[in-house]
C-alpha atoms as a PDB file:
ATOM      1  CA  MET A   1      87.725 -43.747 118.361  1.00  0.00           C
ATOM      2  CA  GLU A   2      87.421 -42.560 121.933  1.00  0.00           C
ATOM      3  CA  LEU A   3      90.474 -41.022 123.576  1.00  0.00           C
ATOM      4  CA  PRO A   4      91.918 -42.580 126.738  1.00  0.00           C
ATOM      5  CA  GLU A   5      91.320 -40.810 130.026  1.00  0.00           C
ATOM      6  CA  VAL A   6      94.110 -38.440 131.017  1.00  0.00           C
ATOM      7  CA  GLU A   7      94.477 -36.391 134.173  1.00  0.00           C
ATOM      8  CA  LEU A   8      96.385 -33.104 134.196  1.00  0.00           C
ATOM      9  CA  ARG A   9      98.424 -32.624 137.358  1.00  0.00           C
ATOM     10  CA  PRO A  10     100.288 -29.349 137.936  1.00  0.00           C
ATOM     11  CA  LEU A  11     104.040 -29.738 137.552  1.00  0.00           C
ATOM     12  CA  ARG A  12     105.864 -29.838 140.897  1.00  0.00           C
ATOM     13  CA  ARG A  13     109.488 -29.206 141.681  1.00  0.00           C
ATOM     14  CA  SER A  14     109.823 -32.915 142.545  1.00  0.00           C
ATOM     15  CA  ASP A  15     108.854 -33.695 138.908  1.00  0.00           C
ATOM     16  CA  LEU A  16     111.807 -31.796 137.424  1.00  0.00           C
ATOM     17  CA  PRO A  17     114.197 -34.800 137.380  1.00  0.00           C
ATOM     18  CA  LEU A  18     111.562 -36.820 135.480  1.00  0.00           C
ATOM     19  CA  LEU A  19     111.108 -33.952 133.031  1.00  0.00           C
ATOM     20  CA  ALA A  20     114.883 -33.813 132.507  1.00  0.00           C
ATOM     21  CA  GLU A  21     114.816 -37.542 131.669  1.00  0.00           C
ATOM     22  CA  TRP A  22     112.025 -36.995 129.171  1.00  0.00           C
ATOM     23  CA  LEU A  23     113.835 -34.082 127.517  1.00  0.00           C
ATOM     24  CA  ALA A  24     116.876 -36.342 127.069  1.00  0.00           C
ATOM     25  CA  GLU A  25     114.777 -39.100 125.455  1.00  0.00           C
ATOM     26  CA  PRO A  26     115.798 -39.181 121.743  1.00  0.00           C
ATOM     27  CA  LEU A  27     112.426 -38.505 120.115  1.00  0.00           C
ATOM     28  CA  VAL A  28     111.606 -35.703 122.553  1.00  0.00           C
ATOM     29  CA  ALA A  29     115.088 -34.219 122.153  1.00  0.00           C
ATOM     30  CA  ARG A  30     114.639 -34.331 118.374  1.00  0.00           C
ATOM     31  CA  TRP A  31     111.694 -31.921 118.480  1.00  0.00           C
ATOM     32  CA  TRP A  32     112.195 -29.958 121.716  1.00  0.00           C
ATOM     33  CA  ASP A  33     115.948 -29.283 121.566  1.00  0.00           C
ATOM     34  CA  GLU A  34     116.077 -28.272 125.235  1.00  0.00           C
ATOM     35  CA  ASP A  35     119.044 -28.927 127.469  1.00  0.00           C
ATOM     36  CA  PRO A  36     117.852 -31.184 130.322  1.00  0.00           C
ATOM     37  CA  ALA A  37     120.339 -29.360 132.571  1.00  0.00           C
ATOM     38  CA  THR A  38     118.238 -26.169 132.252  1.00  0.00           C
ATOM     39  CA  VAL A  39     114.981 -27.700 133.522  1.00  0.00           C
ATOM     40  CA  GLU A  40     115.111 -25.862 136.846  1.00  0.00           C
ATOM     41  CA  ALA A  41     115.714 -22.484 135.201  1.00  0.00           C
ATOM     42  CA  GLN A  42     113.103 -23.097 132.501  1.00  0.00           C
ATOM     43  CA  TYR A  43     110.275 -24.618 134.555  1.00  0.00           C
ATOM     44  CA  GLY A  44     110.979 -23.470 138.134  1.00  0.00           C
ATOM     45  CA  PRO A  45     109.283 -20.076 137.583  1.00  0.00           C
ATOM     46  CA  CYS A  46     106.150 -21.856 136.298  1.00  0.00           C
ATOM     47  CA  VAL A  47     106.088 -24.085 139.391  1.00  0.00           C
ATOM     48  CA  ASP A  48     106.625 -21.034 141.626  1.00  0.00           C
ATOM     49  CA  GLY A  49     103.889 -19.043 139.881  1.00  0.00           C
ATOM     50  CA  THR A  50     106.172 -16.229 138.750  1.00  0.00           C
ATOM     51  CA  ASP A  51     105.699 -17.243 135.089  1.00  0.00           C
ATOM     52  CA  PRO A  52     102.066 -17.262 133.888  1.00  0.00           C
ATOM     53  CA  THR A  53     102.530 -20.430 131.818  1.00  0.00           C
ATOM     54  CA  ALA A  54     100.539 -23.329 133.301  1.00  0.00           C
ATOM     55  CA  VAL A  55     102.520 -26.581 133.134  1.00  0.00           C
ATOM     56  CA  TYR A  56     101.018 -30.003 133.752  1.00  0.00           C
ATOM     57  CA  LEU A  57     102.040 -33.609 133.729  1.00  0.00           C
ATOM     58  CA  GLY A  58      99.750 -35.898 131.784  1.00  0.00           C
ATOM     59  CA  VAL A  59      98.860 -38.898 133.953  1.00  0.00           C
ATOM     60  CA  HIS A  60      97.198 -42.075 132.698  1.00  0.00           C
ATOM     61  CA  GLU A  61      96.225 -44.879 135.064  1.00  0.00           C
ATOM     62  CA  GLY A  62      98.268 -43.246 137.823  1.00  0.00           C
ATOM     63  CA  GLU A  63     101.469 -42.974 135.775  1.00  0.00           C
ATOM     64  CA  PRO A  64     102.898 -39.728 134.373  1.00  0.00           C
ATOM     65  CA  PHE A  65     103.687 -40.031 130.670  1.00  0.00           C
ATOM     66  CA  GLY A  66     103.927 -36.518 129.251  1.00  0.00           C
ATOM     67  CA  LEU A  67     103.979 -32.798 129.744  1.00  0.00           C
ATOM     68  CA  VAL A  68     101.851 -29.959 128.419  1.00  0.00           C
ATOM     69  CA  GLN A  69     102.116 -26.227 128.910  1.00  0.00           C
ATOM     70  CA  VAL A  70      99.284 -23.785 128.288  1.00  0.00           C
ATOM     71  CA  TYR A  71      99.922 -20.097 127.737  1.00  0.00           C
ATOM     72  CA  ARG A  72      98.473 -16.922 126.286  1.00  0.00           C
ATOM     73  CA  PHE A  73     100.138 -15.468 123.232  1.00  0.00           C
ATOM     74  CA  ASP A  74      99.732 -12.099 124.974  1.00  0.00           C
ATOM     75  CA  ASP A  75     102.272 -13.337 127.557  1.00  0.00           C
ATOM     76  CA  GLU A  76     104.747 -14.302 124.803  1.00  0.00           C
ATOM     77  CA  PRO A  77     105.119 -11.115 122.700  1.00  0.00           C
ATOM     78  CA  GLU A  78     107.894 -12.488 120.470  1.00  0.00           C
ATOM     79  CA  SER A  79     105.870 -15.596 119.616  1.00  0.00           C
ATOM     80  CA  LEU A  80     102.786 -13.471 119.032  1.00  0.00           C
ATOM     81  CA  ALA A  81     104.661 -11.123 116.694  1.00  0.00           C
ATOM     82  CA  GLU A  82     106.174 -13.978 114.697  1.00  0.00           C
ATOM     83  CA  LEU A  83     102.950 -15.987 114.399  1.00  0.00           C
ATOM     84  CA  SER A  84     101.107 -12.828 113.347  1.00  0.00           C
ATOM     85  CA  THR A  85     103.245 -12.770 110.198  1.00  0.00           C
ATOM     86  CA  VAL A  86     101.760 -16.166 109.233  1.00  0.00           C
ATOM     87  CA  CYS A  87      98.117 -15.875 110.310  1.00  0.00           C
ATOM     88  CA  PRO A  88      95.682 -13.764 112.286  1.00  0.00           C
ATOM     89  CA  VAL A  89      96.046 -14.352 116.032  1.00  0.00           C
ATOM     90  CA  PRO A  90      92.664 -13.661 117.631  1.00  0.00           C
ATOM     91  CA  PRO A  91      92.634 -11.549 120.810  1.00  0.00           C
ATOM     92  CA  GLY A  92      93.255 -13.651 123.923  1.00  0.00           C
ATOM     93  CA  ALA A  93      94.364 -16.698 121.912  1.00  0.00           C
ATOM     94  CA  LEU A  94      96.129 -19.482 123.772  1.00  0.00           C
ATOM     95  CA  SER A  95      98.712 -22.017 122.681  1.00  0.00           C
ATOM     96  CA  ILE A  96     100.077 -25.285 124.007  1.00  0.00           C
ATOM     97  CA  ASP A  97     103.344 -27.185 123.839  1.00  0.00           C
ATOM     98  CA  TYR A  98     103.343 -30.874 124.628  1.00  0.00           C
ATOM     99  CA  LEU A  99     105.444 -33.993 124.686  1.00  0.00           C
ATOM    100  CA  VAL A 100     104.988 -37.684 125.361  1.00  0.00           C
ATOM    101  CA  GLY A 101     108.115 -38.544 127.299  1.00  0.00           C
ATOM    102  CA  VAL A 102     107.514 -42.263 127.874  1.00  0.00           C
ATOM    103  CA  PRO A 103     108.202 -44.172 124.630  1.00  0.00           C
ATOM    104  CA  SER A 104     105.754 -46.980 125.501  1.00  0.00           C
ATOM    105  CA  ALA A 105     102.963 -44.384 125.819  1.00  0.00           C
ATOM    106  CA  ARG A 106     103.240 -43.369 122.159  1.00  0.00           C
ATOM    107  CA  GLY A 107     100.863 -44.634 119.521  1.00  0.00           C
ATOM    108  CA  ARG A 108      98.084 -45.255 122.049  1.00  0.00           C
ATOM    109  CA  GLY A 109      96.117 -42.002 121.757  1.00  0.00           C
ATOM    110  CA  LEU A 110      97.601 -40.547 124.935  1.00  0.00           C
ATOM    111  CA  GLY A 111      99.158 -37.591 123.113  1.00  0.00           C
ATOM    112  CA  ALA A 112      95.799 -36.645 121.582  1.00  0.00           C
ATOM    113  CA  ALA A 113      94.111 -37.105 124.973  1.00  0.00           C
ATOM    114  CA  LEU A 114      96.766 -34.899 126.609  1.00  0.00           C
ATOM    115  CA  ILE A 115      96.185 -32.207 123.983  1.00  0.00           C
ATOM    116  CA  ALA A 116      92.394 -32.375 124.346  1.00  0.00           C
ATOM    117  CA  ALA A 117      92.664 -32.138 128.143  1.00  0.00           C
ATOM    118  CA  ALA A 118      95.022 -29.152 127.884  1.00  0.00           C
ATOM    119  CA  VAL A 119      92.732 -27.316 125.459  1.00  0.00           C
ATOM    120  CA  ALA A 120      89.739 -27.917 127.740  1.00  0.00           C
ATOM    121  CA  ARG A 121      91.737 -26.732 130.753  1.00  0.00           C
ATOM    122  CA  GLY A 122      92.958 -23.664 128.860  1.00  0.00           C
ATOM    123  CA  PHE A 123      89.406 -22.694 127.910  1.00  0.00           C
ATOM    124  CA  ALA A 124      88.205 -23.290 131.483  1.00  0.00           C
ATOM    125  CA  ASP A 125      91.011 -21.195 132.981  1.00  0.00           C
ATOM    126  CA  HIS A 126      90.714 -18.411 130.384  1.00  0.00           C
ATOM    127  CA  PRO A 127      86.988 -17.832 129.767  1.00  0.00           C
ATOM    128  CA  ASP A 128      87.732 -14.936 127.405  1.00  0.00           C
ATOM    129  CA  ALA A 129      89.874 -17.114 125.089  1.00  0.00           C
ATOM    130  CA  GLN A 130      88.037 -18.332 122.011  1.00  0.00           C
ATOM    131  CA  ASP A 131      90.972 -19.985 120.213  1.00  0.00           C
ATOM    132  CA  VAL A 132      93.978 -22.201 120.803  1.00  0.00           C
ATOM    133  CA  LEU A 133      96.553 -21.944 117.998  1.00  0.00           C
ATOM    134  CA  VAL A 134      99.312 -24.539 117.816  1.00  0.00           C
ATOM    135  CA  PRO A 135     102.184 -24.083 115.349  1.00  0.00           C
ATOM    136  CA  VAL A 136     104.055 -27.314 114.573  1.00  0.00           C
ATOM    137  CA  ALA A 137     107.083 -28.004 112.394  1.00  0.00           C
ATOM    138  CA  ARG A 138     105.800 -29.375 109.085  1.00  0.00           C
ATOM    139  CA  GLY A 139     108.000 -32.464 109.470  1.00  0.00           C
ATOM    140  CA  ASN A 140     106.507 -33.476 112.819  1.00  0.00           C
ATOM    141  CA  GLU A 141     103.652 -35.514 111.377  1.00  0.00           C
ATOM    142  CA  ALA A 142     103.000 -37.459 114.598  1.00  0.00           C
ATOM    143  CA  SER A 143     102.228 -34.142 116.279  1.00  0.00           C
ATOM    144  CA  TRP A 144      99.810 -33.177 113.488  1.00  0.00           C
ATOM    145  CA  ARG A 145      97.978 -36.476 113.803  1.00  0.00           C
ATOM    146  CA  ALA A 146      97.622 -36.029 117.565  1.00  0.00           C
ATOM    147  CA  LEU A 147      96.316 -32.479 117.140  1.00  0.00           C
ATOM    148  CA  ARG A 148      93.749 -33.562 114.570  1.00  0.00           C
ATOM    149  CA  ARG A 149      92.674 -36.553 116.623  1.00  0.00           C
ATOM    150  CA  ALA A 150      92.138 -34.144 119.535  1.00  0.00           C
ATOM    151  CA  GLY A 151      89.834 -32.021 117.370  1.00  0.00           C
ATOM    152  CA  ALA A 152      92.067 -29.354 115.832  1.00  0.00           C
ATOM    153  CA  THR A 153      91.664 -28.136 112.283  1.00  0.00           C
ATOM    154  CA  TRP A 154      94.279 -26.780 109.904  1.00  0.00           C
ATOM    155  CA  TYR A 155      94.425 -22.978 110.178  1.00  0.00           C
ATOM    156  CA  ALA A 156      97.500 -21.739 108.303  1.00  0.00           C
ATOM    157  CA  ASP A 157     100.990 -22.561 107.162  1.00  0.00           C
ATOM    158  CA  GLY A 158     104.121 -20.498 106.813  1.00  0.00           C
ATOM    159  CA  GLU A 159     107.648 -19.928 107.969  1.00  0.00           C
ATOM    160  CA  LEU A 160     108.415 -19.711 111.692  1.00  0.00           C
ATOM    161  CA  THR A 161     111.567 -20.164 113.734  1.00  0.00           C
ATOM    162  CA  PRO A 162     111.797 -23.891 114.488  1.00  0.00           C
ATOM    163  CA  ASP A 163     112.230 -25.202 118.048  1.00  0.00           C
ATOM    164  CA  ASN A 164     115.151 -27.258 116.774  1.00  0.00           C
ATOM    165  CA  PRO A 165     117.582 -25.310 114.585  1.00  0.00           C
ATOM    166  CA  VAL A 166     118.131 -28.373 112.353  1.00  0.00           C
ATOM    167  CA  ASP A 167     114.543 -28.107 111.080  1.00  0.00           C
ATOM    168  CA  PRO A 168     113.369 -25.991 108.174  1.00  0.00           C
ATOM    169  CA  ARG A 169     111.194 -22.959 108.925  1.00  0.00           C
ATOM    170  CA  ASP A 170     108.080 -24.586 107.379  1.00  0.00           C
ATOM    171  CA  HIS A 171     105.278 -24.860 109.932  1.00  0.00           C
ATOM    172  CA  VAL A 172     101.597 -25.650 110.000  1.00  0.00           C
ATOM    173  CA  VAL A 173      99.247 -24.008 112.456  1.00  0.00           C
ATOM    174  CA  HIS A 174      96.314 -25.925 113.894  1.00  0.00           C
ATOM    175  CA  ARG A 175      93.364 -24.336 115.640  1.00  0.00           C
ATOM    176  CA  PHE A 176      90.859 -25.276 118.297  1.00  0.00           C
ATOM    177  CA  THR A 177      87.843 -23.007 118.813  1.00  0.00           C
ATOM    178  CA  ARG A 178      85.546 -22.820 121.779  1.00  0.00           C
END
């Protein structure tokens, strides 16, 4: 099945209230466990360019529906060190975090399309990167399905610190290769 068309638009400061709404949405809050009140502190440096993480809104048919961030593990030394205990992290590897913040956008392939667009953008922006590794809590099966639909393969599994402290440490790692 073909994925829907998704545009990636860089996150702007004017998008932060929308992002706060999405982070408060129950399913997003379940997996992200971020305080919507901290959106400015968390994402402002990315918008300003002082944080190297690239953050985009996913837009379908002119409407924003989700968020994706693309980053190098080299820029996140704690994440790199922890993931390295579970699997080899190739030099220059990237990762992504993503969410579908609009409930009516779920179950339509938009999450997979957002992931595929982010991976393509990451490879385009980082020509030396050969891999995108995405660790996901084992219990987040919808995220696994979206990753696989976008073309990822299973790479490893092991214990990592969960994004939400209520989750067990069990994670699966999916991989995209150039």
